[in-house]
Amino acid sequence: MFKSTQLTNALLALIAVALIAIAIRPYLSPVPVVAQSGNADPIYVEPGVFMLRQPEGGQVLGKVTVNLRTGSVWGFPTGSPDPYPMSQMDSKPQVSHAIPMGRFALGEVGK
């Protein structure tokens, strides 16, 4: 009976040491947070739908986006007053390809 109590205590001590090792590991070598890693460019999407001028001439309704890091302005045609691309003829989801609209010289700000 005495040996089974010693064995139980030894196993409980081993489990306690293992749990302490698992619990203390994040404090000794914490994992870096990458939620705001900065890899993606910050994009601002202008609220509403605007008339966009196409490079080959003509106009189309669409959304305007601005890359806040580079100042590039892009238009994404929606083809309708809706804020997302759609076609009256096709029920499948549509893909809107960017139209370069211009660029803001953000480097000149504050000079």
PDB file of N, CA and C in Angstrom:
ATOM      1  N   MET A   1       0.816  -1.191   0.000  1.00  0.00           N
ATOM      2  CA  MET A   1       0.000   0.000   0.000  1.00  0.00           C
ATOM      3  C   MET A   1       0.854   1.247   0.000  1.00  0.00           C
ATOM      4  N   PHE A   2       1.971   1.196   0.732  1.00  0.00           N
ATOM      5  CA  PHE A   2       2.866   2.348   0.818  1.00  0.00           C
ATOM      6  C   PHE A   2       3.490   2.667  -0.537  1.00  0.00           C
ATOM      7  N   LYS A   3       3.818   1.616  -1.333  1.00  0.00           N
ATOM      8  CA  LYS A   3       4.443   1.834  -2.633  1.00  0.00           C
ATOM      9  C   LYS A   3       3.460   2.458  -3.632  1.00  0.00           C
ATOM     10  N   SER A   4       2.189   2.087  -3.588  1.00  0.00           N
ATOM     11  CA  SER A   4       1.230   2.671  -4.526  1.00  0.00           C
ATOM     12  C   SER A   4       1.002   4.155  -4.218  1.00  0.00           C
ATOM     13  N   THR A   5       1.055   4.554  -2.964  1.00  0.00           N
ATOM     14  CA  THR A   5       0.935   5.964  -2.599  1.00  0.00           C
ATOM     15  C   THR A   5       2.134   6.747  -3.108  1.00  0.00           C
ATOM     16  N   GLN A   6       3.322   6.172  -2.980  1.00  0.00           N
ATOM     17  CA  GLN A   6       4.525   6.835  -3.494  1.00  0.00           C
ATOM     18  C   GLN A   6       4.461   6.972  -5.014  1.00  0.00           C
ATOM     19  N   LEU A   7       3.991   5.927  -5.686  1.00  0.00           N
ATOM     20  CA  LEU A   7       3.872   5.967  -7.144  1.00  0.00           C
ATOM     21  C   LEU A   7       2.852   7.033  -7.564  1.00  0.00           C
ATOM     22  N   THR A   8       1.731   7.100  -6.879  1.00  0.00           N
ATOM     23  CA  THR A   8       0.716   8.114  -7.182  1.00  0.00           C
ATOM     24  C   THR A   8       1.272   9.516  -6.975  1.00  0.00           C
ATOM     25  N   ASN A   9       1.962   9.730  -5.885  1.00  0.00           N
ATOM     26  CA  ASN A   9       2.555  11.044  -5.612  1.00  0.00           C
ATOM     27  C   ASN A   9       3.611  11.401  -6.646  1.00  0.00           C
ATOM     28  N   ALA A  10       4.405  10.430  -7.068  1.00  0.00           N
ATOM     29  CA  ALA A  10       5.431  10.683  -8.084  1.00  0.00           C
ATOM     30  C   ALA A  10       4.782  11.064  -9.418  1.00  0.00           C
ATOM     31  N   LEU A  11       3.725  10.352  -9.804  1.00  0.00           N
ATOM     32  CA  LEU A  11       3.035  10.676 -11.054  1.00  0.00           C
ATOM     33  C   LEU A  11       2.360  12.047 -10.982  1.00  0.00           C
ATOM     34  N   LEU A  12       1.760  12.363  -9.849  1.00  0.00           N
ATOM     35  CA  LEU A  12       1.153  13.686  -9.685  1.00  0.00           C
ATOM     36  C   LEU A  12       2.210  14.790  -9.737  1.00  0.00           C
ATOM     37  N   ALA A  13       3.365  14.548  -9.153  1.00  0.00           N
ATOM     38  CA  ALA A  13       4.455  15.526  -9.209  1.00  0.00           C
ATOM     39  C   ALA A  13       4.939  15.703 -10.642  1.00  0.00           C
ATOM     40  N   LEU A  14       5.048  14.609 -11.394  1.00  0.00           N
ATOM     41  CA  LEU A  14       5.470  14.676 -12.796  1.00  0.00           C
ATOM     42  C   LEU A  14       4.452  15.475 -13.623  1.00  0.00           C
ATOM     43  N   ILE A  15       3.174  15.233 -13.397  1.00  0.00           N
ATOM     44  CA  ILE A  15       2.127  15.978 -14.106  1.00  0.00           C
ATOM     45  C   ILE A  15       2.195  17.460 -13.748  1.00  0.00           C
ATOM     46  N   ALA A  16       2.410  17.774 -12.475  1.00  0.00           N
ATOM     47  CA  ALA A  16       2.501  19.172 -12.047  1.00  0.00           C
ATOM     48  C   ALA A  16       3.686  19.869 -12.694  1.00  0.00           C
ATOM     49  N   VAL A  17       4.841  19.204 -12.766  1.00  0.00           N
ATOM     50  CA  VAL A  17       6.030  19.791 -13.399  1.00  0.00           C
ATOM     51  C   VAL A  17       5.772  20.016 -14.887  1.00  0.00           C
ATOM     52  N   ALA A  18       5.125  19.057 -15.549  1.00  0.00           N
ATOM     53  CA  ALA A  18       4.827  19.212 -16.979  1.00  0.00           C
ATOM     54  C   ALA A  18       3.872  20.383 -17.214  1.00  0.00           C
ATOM     55  N   LEU A  19       2.860  20.531 -16.376  1.00  0.00           N
ATOM     56  CA  LEU A  19       1.927  21.647 -16.525  1.00  0.00           C
ATOM     57  C   LEU A  19       2.603  22.988 -16.276  1.00  0.00           C
ATOM     58  N   ILE A  20       3.488  23.038 -15.308  1.00  0.00           N
ATOM     59  CA  ILE A  20       4.235  24.278 -15.050  1.00  0.00           C
ATOM     60  C   ILE A  20       5.110  24.622 -16.249  1.00  0.00           C
ATOM     61  N   ALA A  21       5.756  23.612 -16.849  1.00  0.00           N
ATOM     62  CA  ALA A  21       6.601  23.860 -18.026  1.00  0.00           C
ATOM     63  C   ALA A  21       5.770  24.398 -19.188  1.00  0.00           C
ATOM     64  N   ILE A  22       4.579  23.845 -19.380  1.00  0.00           N
ATOM     65  CA  ILE A  22       3.706  24.326 -20.460  1.00  0.00           C
ATOM     66  C   ILE A  22       3.235  25.749 -20.175  1.00  0.00           C
ATOM     67  N   ALA A  23       2.902  26.042 -18.925  1.00  0.00           N
ATOM     68  CA  ALA A  23       2.369  27.359 -18.572  1.00  0.00           C
ATOM     69  C   ALA A  23       3.424  28.450 -18.593  1.00  0.00           C
ATOM     70  N   ILE A  24       4.674  28.121 -18.300  1.00  0.00           N
ATOM     71  CA  ILE A  24       5.717  29.154 -18.201  1.00  0.00           C
ATOM     72  C   ILE A  24       6.379  29.449 -19.553  1.00  0.00           C
ATOM     73  N   ARG A  25       6.215  28.561 -20.541  1.00  0.00           N
ATOM     74  CA  ARG A  25       6.870  28.753 -21.839  1.00  0.00           C
ATOM     75  C   ARG A  25       6.505  30.079 -22.516  1.00  0.00           C
ATOM     76  N   PRO A  26       5.231  30.521 -22.546  1.00  0.00           N
ATOM     77  CA  PRO A  26       4.921  31.815 -23.177  1.00  0.00           C
ATOM     78  C   PRO A  26       5.576  33.009 -22.486  1.00  0.00           C
ATOM     79  N   TYR A  27       5.878  32.888 -21.214  1.00  0.00           N
ATOM     80  CA  TYR A  27       6.531  33.984 -20.497  1.00  0.00           C
ATOM     81  C   TYR A  27       8.023  34.043 -20.802  1.00  0.00           C
ATOM     82  N   LEU A  28       8.631  32.889 -21.063  1.00  0.00           N
ATOM     83  CA  LEU A  28      10.068  32.858 -21.346  1.00  0.00           C
ATOM     84  C   LEU A  28      10.374  33.249 -22.787  1.00  0.00           C
ATOM     85  N   SER A  29       9.568  32.787 -23.730  1.00  0.00           N
ATOM     86  CA  SER A  29       9.775  33.145 -25.143  1.00  0.00           C
ATOM     87  C   SER A  29       8.414  33.433 -25.777  1.00  0.00           C
ATOM     88  N   PRO A  30       7.910  34.664 -25.616  1.00  0.00           N
ATOM     89  CA  PRO A  30       6.582  34.988 -26.156  1.00  0.00           C
ATOM     90  C   PRO A  30       6.584  35.006 -27.682  1.00  0.00           C
ATOM     91  N   VAL A  31       5.466  34.622 -28.257  1.00  0.00           N
ATOM     92  CA  VAL A  31       5.290  34.623 -29.705  1.00  0.00           C
ATOM     93  C   VAL A  31       4.946  36.043 -30.135  1.00  0.00           C
ATOM     94  N   PRO A  32       5.648  36.603 -31.145  1.00  0.00           N
ATOM     95  CA  PRO A  32       5.347  37.976 -31.566  1.00  0.00           C
ATOM     96  C   PRO A  32       3.958  38.070 -32.198  1.00  0.00           C
ATOM     97  N   VAL A  33       3.319  39.192 -31.969  1.00  0.00           N
ATOM     98  CA  VAL A  33       1.993  39.450 -32.527  1.00  0.00           C
ATOM     99  C   VAL A  33       2.159  39.962 -33.948  1.00  0.00           C
ATOM    100  N   VAL A  34       1.389  39.438 -34.890  1.00  0.00           N
ATOM    101  CA  VAL A  34       1.488  39.860 -36.284  1.00  0.00           C
ATOM    102  C   VAL A  34       0.164  40.423 -36.806  1.00  0.00           C
ATOM    103  N   ALA A  35      -0.739  40.783 -35.907  1.00  0.00           N
ATOM    104  CA  ALA A  35      -2.034  41.307 -36.344  1.00  0.00           C
ATOM    105  C   ALA A  35      -1.872  42.615 -37.118  1.00  0.00           C
ATOM    106  N   GLN A  36      -0.880  43.429 -36.758  1.00  0.00           N
ATOM    107  CA  GLN A  36      -0.631  44.681 -37.456  1.00  0.00           C
ATOM    108  C   GLN A  36       0.782  44.669 -38.014  1.00  0.00           C
ATOM    109  N   SER A  37       1.049  43.676 -38.858  1.00  0.00           N
ATOM    110  CA  SER A  37       2.401  43.506 -39.363  1.00  0.00           C
ATOM    111  C   SER A  37       2.793  44.592 -40.363  1.00  0.00           C
ATOM    112  N   GLY A  38       1.826  45.257 -40.965  1.00  0.00           N
ATOM    113  CA  GLY A  38       2.147  46.334 -41.893  1.00  0.00           C
ATOM    114  C   GLY A  38       2.493  45.859 -43.288  1.00  0.00           C
ATOM    115  N   ASN A  39       2.226  44.605 -43.617  1.00  0.00           N
ATOM    116  CA  ASN A  39       2.544  44.099 -44.943  1.00  0.00           C
ATOM    117  C   ASN A  39       1.611  44.660 -46.010  1.00  0.00           C
ATOM    118  N   ALA A  40       0.364  44.821 -45.685  1.00  0.00           N
ATOM    119  CA  ALA A  40      -0.602  45.299 -46.667  1.00  0.00           C
ATOM    120  C   ALA A  40      -0.625  46.829 -46.690  1.00  0.00           C
ATOM    121  N   ASP A  41      -0.818  47.380 -47.887  1.00  0.00           N
ATOM    122  CA  ASP A  41      -0.943  48.829 -48.008  1.00  0.00           C
ATOM    123  C   ASP A  41      -2.300  49.260 -47.462  1.00  0.00           C
ATOM    124  N   PRO A  42      -2.340  50.392 -46.758  1.00  0.00           N
ATOM    125  CA  PRO A  42      -3.632  50.880 -46.273  1.00  0.00           C
ATOM    126  C   PRO A  42      -4.438  51.455 -47.437  1.00  0.00           C
ATOM    127  N   ILE A  43      -5.625  50.950 -47.621  1.00  0.00           N
ATOM    128  CA  ILE A  43      -6.492  51.364 -48.724  1.00  0.00           C
ATOM    129  C   ILE A  43      -7.719  52.067 -48.145  1.00  0.00           C
ATOM    130  N   TYR A  44      -8.033  53.230 -48.694  1.00  0.00           N
ATOM    131  CA  TYR A  44      -9.245  53.952 -48.309  1.00  0.00           C
ATOM    132  C   TYR A  44     -10.246  53.807 -49.448  1.00  0.00           C
ATOM    133  N   VAL A  45     -11.453  53.366 -49.133  1.00  0.00           N
ATOM    134  CA  VAL A  45     -12.521  53.246 -50.124  1.00  0.00           C
ATOM    135  C   VAL A  45     -13.478  54.412 -49.904  1.00  0.00           C
ATOM    136  N   GLU A  46     -13.577  55.267 -50.902  1.00  0.00           N
ATOM    137  CA  GLU A  46     -14.452  56.440 -50.822  1.00  0.00           C
ATOM    138  C   GLU A  46     -15.908  55.981 -50.752  1.00  0.00           C
ATOM    139  N   PRO A  47     -16.669  56.502 -49.784  1.00  0.00           N
ATOM    140  CA  PRO A  47     -18.079  56.098 -49.703  1.00  0.00           C
ATOM    141  C   PRO A  47     -18.855  56.581 -50.923  1.00  0.00           C
ATOM    142  N   GLY A  48     -19.792  55.793 -51.360  1.00  0.00           N
ATOM    143  CA  GLY A  48     -20.625  56.167 -52.495  1.00  0.00           C
ATOM    144  C   GLY A  48     -20.091  55.623 -53.805  1.00  0.00           C
ATOM    145  N   VAL A  49     -20.835  55.906 -54.864  1.00  0.00           N
ATOM    146  CA  VAL A  49     -20.477  55.479 -56.215  1.00  0.00           C
ATOM    147  C   VAL A  49     -20.319  56.732 -57.061  1.00  0.00           C
ATOM    148  N   PHE A  50     -19.274  56.762 -57.901  1.00  0.00           N
ATOM    149  CA  PHE A  50     -18.948  57.946 -58.694  1.00  0.00           C
ATOM    150  C   PHE A  50     -18.849  57.587 -60.167  1.00  0.00           C
ATOM    151  N   MET A  51     -18.959  58.608 -61.003  1.00  0.00           N
ATOM    152  CA  MET A  51     -18.764  58.428 -62.431  1.00  0.00           C
ATOM    153  C   MET A  51     -17.260  58.393 -62.698  1.00  0.00           C
ATOM    154  N   LEU A  52     -16.775  57.285 -63.252  1.00  0.00           N
ATOM    155  CA  LEU A  52     -15.347  57.110 -63.537  1.00  0.00           C
ATOM    156  C   LEU A  52     -15.105  57.307 -65.023  1.00  0.00           C
ATOM    157  N   ARG A  53     -14.010  57.961 -65.360  1.00  0.00           N
ATOM    158  CA  ARG A  53     -13.623  58.124 -66.765  1.00  0.00           C
ATOM    159  C   ARG A  53     -12.708  56.965 -67.152  1.00  0.00           C
ATOM    160  N   GLN A  54     -13.089  56.262 -68.192  1.00  0.00           N
ATOM    161  CA  GLN A  54     -12.294  55.130 -68.647  1.00  0.00           C
ATOM    162  C   GLN A  54     -11.164  55.614 -69.549  1.00  0.00           C
ATOM    163  N   PRO A  55      -9.999  54.943 -69.517  1.00  0.00           N
ATOM    164  CA  PRO A  55      -8.860  55.377 -70.343  1.00  0.00           C
ATOM    165  C   PRO A  55      -9.167  55.369 -71.842  1.00  0.00           C
ATOM    166  N   GLU A  56      -9.985  54.436 -72.310  1.00  0.00           N
ATOM    167  CA  GLU A  56     -10.293  54.377 -73.740  1.00  0.00           C
ATOM    168  C   GLU A  56     -11.461  55.279 -74.120  1.00  0.00           C
ATOM    169  N   GLY A  57     -11.894  56.100 -73.184  1.00  0.00           N
ATOM    170  CA  GLY A  57     -13.010  57.011 -73.424  1.00  0.00           C
ATOM    171  C   GLY A  57     -14.291  56.438 -72.840  1.00  0.00           C
ATOM    172  N   GLY A  58     -15.194  57.292 -72.535  1.00  0.00           N
ATOM    173  CA  GLY A  58     -16.455  56.851 -71.949  1.00  0.00           C
ATOM    174  C   GLY A  58     -16.429  56.972 -70.436  1.00  0.00           C
ATOM    175  N   GLN A  59     -17.570  56.727 -69.857  1.00  0.00           N
ATOM    176  CA  GLN A  59     -17.709  56.821 -68.411  1.00  0.00           C
ATOM    177  C   GLN A  59     -18.487  55.621 -67.902  1.00  0.00           C
ATOM    178  N   VAL A  60     -18.238  55.289 -66.645  1.00  0.00           N
ATOM    179  CA  VAL A  60     -18.929  54.174 -66.012  1.00  0.00           C
ATOM    180  C   VAL A  60     -19.026  54.463 -64.516  1.00  0.00           C
ATOM    181  N   LEU A  61     -20.086  53.998 -63.882  1.00  0.00           N
ATOM    182  CA  LEU A  61     -20.223  54.153 -62.439  1.00  0.00           C
ATOM    183  C   LEU A  61     -19.292  53.179 -61.724  1.00  0.00           C
ATOM    184  N   GLY A  62     -18.746  53.623 -60.588  1.00  0.00           N
ATOM    185  CA  GLY A  62     -17.862  52.732 -59.847  1.00  0.00           C
ATOM    186  C   GLY A  62     -17.411  53.310 -58.520  1.00  0.00           C
ATOM    187  N   LYS A  63     -16.638  52.527 -57.798  1.00  0.00           N
ATOM    188  CA  LYS A  63     -16.077  52.905 -56.500  1.00  0.00           C
ATOM    189  C   LYS A  63     -14.678  53.476 -56.715  1.00  0.00           C
ATOM    190  N   VAL A  64     -14.289  54.421 -55.848  1.00  0.00           N
ATOM    191  CA  VAL A  64     -12.961  55.036 -55.905  1.00  0.00           C
ATOM    192  C   VAL A  64     -12.188  54.608 -54.666  1.00  0.00           C
ATOM    193  N   THR A  65     -10.948  54.159 -54.871  1.00  0.00           N
ATOM    194  CA  THR A  65     -10.074  53.779 -53.759  1.00  0.00           C
ATOM    195  C   THR A  65      -8.784  54.575 -53.841  1.00  0.00           C
ATOM    196  N   VAL A  66      -8.183  54.829 -52.678  1.00  0.00           N
ATOM    197  CA  VAL A  66      -6.915  55.554 -52.600  1.00  0.00           C
ATOM    198  C   VAL A  66      -5.953  54.723 -51.765  1.00  0.00           C
ATOM    199  N   ASN A  67      -4.763  54.463 -52.315  1.00  0.00           N
ATOM    200  CA  ASN A  67      -3.705  53.812 -51.553  1.00  0.00           C
ATOM    201  C   ASN A  67      -3.060  54.896 -50.702  1.00  0.00           C
ATOM    202  N   LEU A  68      -3.230  54.817 -49.388  1.00  0.00           N
ATOM    203  CA  LEU A  68      -2.756  55.876 -48.498  1.00  0.00           C
ATOM    204  C   LEU A  68      -1.244  55.896 -48.345  1.00  0.00           C
ATOM    205  N   ARG A  69      -0.551  54.868 -48.776  1.00  0.00           N
ATOM    206  CA  ARG A  69       0.906  54.856 -48.697  1.00  0.00           C
ATOM    207  C   ARG A  69       1.534  55.483 -49.941  1.00  0.00           C
ATOM    208  N   THR A  70       0.976  55.181 -51.122  1.00  0.00           N
ATOM    209  CA  THR A  70       1.572  55.674 -52.367  1.00  0.00           C
ATOM    210  C   THR A  70       0.819  56.857 -52.963  1.00  0.00           C
ATOM    211  N   GLY A  71      -0.438  57.044 -52.591  1.00  0.00           N
ATOM    212  CA  GLY A  71      -1.244  58.121 -53.158  1.00  0.00           C
ATOM    213  C   GLY A  71      -1.930  57.748 -54.457  1.00  0.00           C
ATOM    214  N   SER A  72      -1.783  56.512 -54.905  1.00  0.00           N
ATOM    215  CA  SER A  72      -2.418  56.077 -56.153  1.00  0.00           C
ATOM    216  C   SER A  72      -3.928  56.006 -55.982  1.00  0.00           C
ATOM    217  N   VAL A  73      -4.639  56.510 -56.992  1.00  0.00           N
ATOM    218  CA  VAL A  73      -6.103  56.502 -56.983  1.00  0.00           C
ATOM    219  C   VAL A  73      -6.569  55.532 -58.063  1.00  0.00           C
ATOM    220  N   TRP A  74      -7.451  54.627 -57.675  1.00  0.00           N
ATOM    221  CA  TRP A  74      -7.954  53.613 -58.591  1.00  0.00           C
ATOM    222  C   TRP A  74      -9.473  53.637 -58.573  1.00  0.00           C
ATOM    223  N   GLY A  75     -10.066  53.382 -59.730  1.00  0.00           N
ATOM    224  CA  GLY A  75     -11.509  53.250 -59.825  1.00  0.00           C
ATOM    225  C   GLY A  75     -11.868  51.809 -60.138  1.00  0.00           C
ATOM    226  N   PHE A  76     -12.896  51.316 -59.503  1.00  0.00           N
ATOM    227  CA  PHE A  76     -13.376  49.960 -59.749  1.00  0.00           C
ATOM    228  C   PHE A  76     -14.802  50.048 -60.273  1.00  0.00           C
ATOM    229  N   PRO A  77     -15.012  49.782 -61.567  1.00  0.00           N
ATOM    230  CA  PRO A  77     -16.347  49.897 -62.148  1.00  0.00           C
ATOM    231  C   PRO A  77     -17.335  48.925 -61.504  1.00  0.00           C
ATOM    232  N   THR A  78     -18.519  49.440 -61.199  1.00  0.00           N
ATOM    233  CA  THR A  78     -19.592  48.584 -60.700  1.00  0.00           C
ATOM    234  C   THR A  78     -20.669  48.392 -61.760  1.00  0.00           C
ATOM    235  N   GLY A  79     -20.745  49.320 -62.715  1.00  0.00           N
ATOM    236  CA  GLY A  79     -21.717  49.202 -63.789  1.00  0.00           C
ATOM    237  C   GLY A  79     -23.127  49.596 -63.397  1.00  0.00           C
ATOM    238  N   SER A  80     -23.322  49.977 -62.146  1.00  0.00           N
ATOM    239  CA  SER A  80     -24.655  50.364 -61.672  1.00  0.00           C
ATOM    240  C   SER A  80     -24.481  51.241 -60.435  1.00  0.00           C
ATOM    241  N   PRO A  81     -25.553  51.816 -59.921  1.00  0.00           N
ATOM    242  CA  PRO A  81     -25.432  52.618 -58.694  1.00  0.00           C
ATOM    243  C   PRO A  81     -25.154  51.778 -57.442  1.00  0.00           C
ATOM    244  N   ASP A  82     -25.162  50.463 -57.582  1.00  0.00           N
ATOM    245  CA  ASP A  82     -24.872  49.594 -56.442  1.00  0.00           C
ATOM    246  C   ASP A  82     -23.391  49.675 -56.080  1.00  0.00           C
ATOM    247  N   PRO A  83     -23.049  49.472 -54.803  1.00  0.00           N
ATOM    248  CA  PRO A  83     -21.648  49.600 -54.380  1.00  0.00           C
ATOM    249  C   PRO A  83     -20.790  48.377 -54.691  1.00  0.00           C
ATOM    250  N   TYR A  84     -21.313  47.431 -55.420  1.00  0.00           N
ATOM    251  CA  TYR A  84     -20.559  46.227 -55.771  1.00  0.00           C
ATOM    252  C   TYR A  84     -20.783  45.935 -57.252  1.00  0.00           C
ATOM    253  N   PRO A  85     -19.851  45.239 -57.900  1.00  0.00           N
ATOM    254  CA  PRO A  85     -20.006  44.971 -59.331  1.00  0.00           C
ATOM    255  C   PRO A  85     -21.159  43.997 -59.589  1.00  0.00           C
ATOM    256  N   MET A  86     -21.985  44.348 -60.548  1.00  0.00           N
ATOM    257  CA  MET A  86     -23.078  43.446 -60.905  1.00  0.00           C
ATOM    258  C   MET A  86     -23.449  43.641 -62.361  1.00  0.00           C
ATOM    259  N   SER A  87     -24.063  42.610 -62.917  1.00  0.00           N
ATOM    260  CA  SER A  87     -24.535  42.654 -64.293  1.00  0.00           C
ATOM    261  C   SER A  87     -26.009  42.273 -64.300  1.00  0.00           C
ATOM    262  N   GLN A  88     -26.815  43.031 -65.035  1.00  0.00           N
ATOM    263  CA  GLN A  88     -28.237  42.717 -65.147  1.00  0.00           C
ATOM    264  C   GLN A  88     -28.455  41.446 -65.971  1.00  0.00           C
ATOM    265  N   MET A  89     -27.491  41.125 -66.837  1.00  0.00           N
ATOM    266  CA  MET A  89     -27.634  39.993 -67.751  1.00  0.00           C
ATOM    267  C   MET A  89     -27.172  38.666 -67.151  1.00  0.00           C
ATOM    268  N   ASP A  90     -26.322  38.721 -66.124  1.00  0.00           N
ATOM    269  CA  ASP A  90     -25.713  37.502 -65.596  1.00  0.00           C
ATOM    270  C   ASP A  90     -25.880  37.469 -64.080  1.00  0.00           C
ATOM    271  N   SER A  91     -26.295  36.336 -63.551  1.00  0.00           N
ATOM    272  CA  SER A  91     -26.508  36.231 -62.103  1.00  0.00           C
ATOM    273  C   SER A  91     -25.241  35.810 -61.362  1.00  0.00           C
ATOM    274  N   LYS A  92     -24.174  35.462 -62.088  1.00  0.00           N
ATOM    275  CA  LYS A  92     -22.927  35.064 -61.433  1.00  0.00           C
ATOM    276  C   LYS A  92     -22.233  36.285 -60.830  1.00  0.00           C
ATOM    277  N   PRO A  93     -21.471  36.091 -59.750  1.00  0.00           N
ATOM    278  CA  PRO A  93     -20.710  37.215 -59.177  1.00  0.00           C
ATOM    279  C   PRO A  93     -19.733  37.788 -60.202  1.00  0.00           C
ATOM    280  N   GLN A  94     -19.650  39.100 -60.257  1.00  0.00           N
ATOM    281  CA  GLN A  94     -18.798  39.791 -61.220  1.00  0.00           C
ATOM    282  C   GLN A  94     -17.483  40.211 -60.570  1.00  0.00           C
ATOM    283  N   VAL A  95     -16.450  40.355 -61.377  1.00  0.00           N
ATOM    284  CA  VAL A  95     -15.144  40.834 -60.915  1.00  0.00           C
ATOM    285  C   VAL A  95     -14.896  42.189 -61.558  1.00  0.00           C
ATOM    286  N   SER A  96     -14.581  43.176 -60.737  1.00  0.00           N
ATOM    287  CA  SER A  96     -14.310  44.522 -61.222  1.00  0.00           C
ATOM    288  C   SER A  96     -12.800  44.732 -61.272  1.00  0.00           C
ATOM    289  N   HIS A  97     -12.275  45.095 -62.426  1.00  0.00           N
ATOM    290  CA  HIS A  97     -10.833  45.324 -62.588  1.00  0.00           C
ATOM    291  C   HIS A  97     -10.529  46.813 -62.443  1.00  0.00           C
ATOM    292  N   ALA A  98      -9.417  47.108 -61.810  1.00  0.00           N
ATOM    293  CA  ALA A  98      -9.057  48.485 -61.465  1.00  0.00           C
ATOM    294  C   ALA A  98      -8.741  49.321 -62.698  1.00  0.00           C
ATOM    295  N   ILE A  99      -9.150  50.579 -62.636  1.00  0.00           N
ATOM    296  CA  ILE A  99      -8.819  51.579 -63.651  1.00  0.00           C
ATOM    297  C   ILE A  99      -7.937  52.615 -62.962  1.00  0.00           C
ATOM    298  N   PRO A 100      -6.708  52.837 -63.450  1.00  0.00           N
ATOM    299  CA  PRO A 100      -5.869  53.875 -62.820  1.00  0.00           C
ATOM    300  C   PRO A 100      -6.480  55.248 -63.065  1.00  0.00           C
ATOM    301  N   MET A 101      -6.685  56.003 -61.986  1.00  0.00           N
ATOM    302  CA  MET A 101      -7.327  57.311 -62.085  1.00  0.00           C
ATOM    303  C   MET A 101      -6.342  58.463 -61.905  1.00  0.00           C
ATOM    304  N   GLY A 102      -5.243  58.216 -61.226  1.00  0.00           N
ATOM    305  CA  GLY A 102      -4.282  59.280 -60.964  1.00  0.00           C
ATOM    306  C   GLY A 102      -3.493  58.981 -59.705  1.00  0.00           C
ATOM    307  N   ARG A 103      -2.830  60.017 -59.206  1.00  0.00           N
ATOM    308  CA  ARG A 103      -1.992  59.839 -58.021  1.00  0.00           C
ATOM    309  C   ARG A 103      -1.915  61.151 -57.262  1.00  0.00           C
ATOM    310  N   PHE A 104      -1.998  61.073 -55.939  1.00  0.00           N
ATOM    311  CA  PHE A 104      -1.767  62.225 -55.078  1.00  0.00           C
ATOM    312  C   PHE A 104      -0.293  62.236 -54.704  1.00  0.00           C
ATOM    313  N   ALA A 105       0.351  63.399 -54.769  1.00  0.00           N
ATOM    314  CA  ALA A 105       1.759  63.522 -54.384  1.00  0.00           C
ATOM    315  C   ALA A 105       1.833  63.676 -52.867  1.00  0.00           C
ATOM    316  N   LEU A 106       1.700  62.573 -52.152  1.00  0.00           N
ATOM    317  CA  LEU A 106       1.677  62.616 -50.692  1.00  0.00           C
ATOM    318  C   LEU A 106       3.017  63.046 -50.110  1.00  0.00           C
ATOM    319  N   GLY A 107       4.095  62.885 -50.865  1.00  0.00           N
ATOM    320  CA  GLY A 107       5.413  63.289 -50.390  1.00  0.00           C
ATOM    321  C   GLY A 107       5.559  64.795 -50.246  1.00  0.00           C
ATOM    322  N   GLU A 108       4.715  65.560 -50.933  1.00  0.00           N
ATOM    323  CA  GLU A 108       4.795  67.018 -50.860  1.00  0.00           C
ATOM    324  C   GLU A 108       4.043  67.593 -49.666  1.00  0.00           C
ATOM    325  N   VAL A 109       3.281  66.775 -48.983  1.00  0.00           N
ATOM    326  CA  VAL A 109       2.511  67.249 -47.831  1.00  0.00           C
ATOM    327  C   VAL A 109       3.463  67.565 -46.686  1.00  0.00           C
ATOM    328  N   GLY A 110       3.306  68.710 -46.095  1.00  0.00           N
ATOM    329  CA  GLY A 110       4.126  69.100 -44.946  1.00  0.00           C
ATOM    330  C   GLY A 110       5.437  69.771 -45.310  1.00  0.00           C
ATOM    331  N   LYS A 111       5.666  70.070 -46.583  1.00  0.00           N
ATOM    332  CA  LYS A 111       6.919  70.736 -46.972  1.00  0.00           C
ATOM    333  C   LYS A 111       6.772  72.222 -46.850  1.00  0.00           C
TER     334      LYS A 111
END
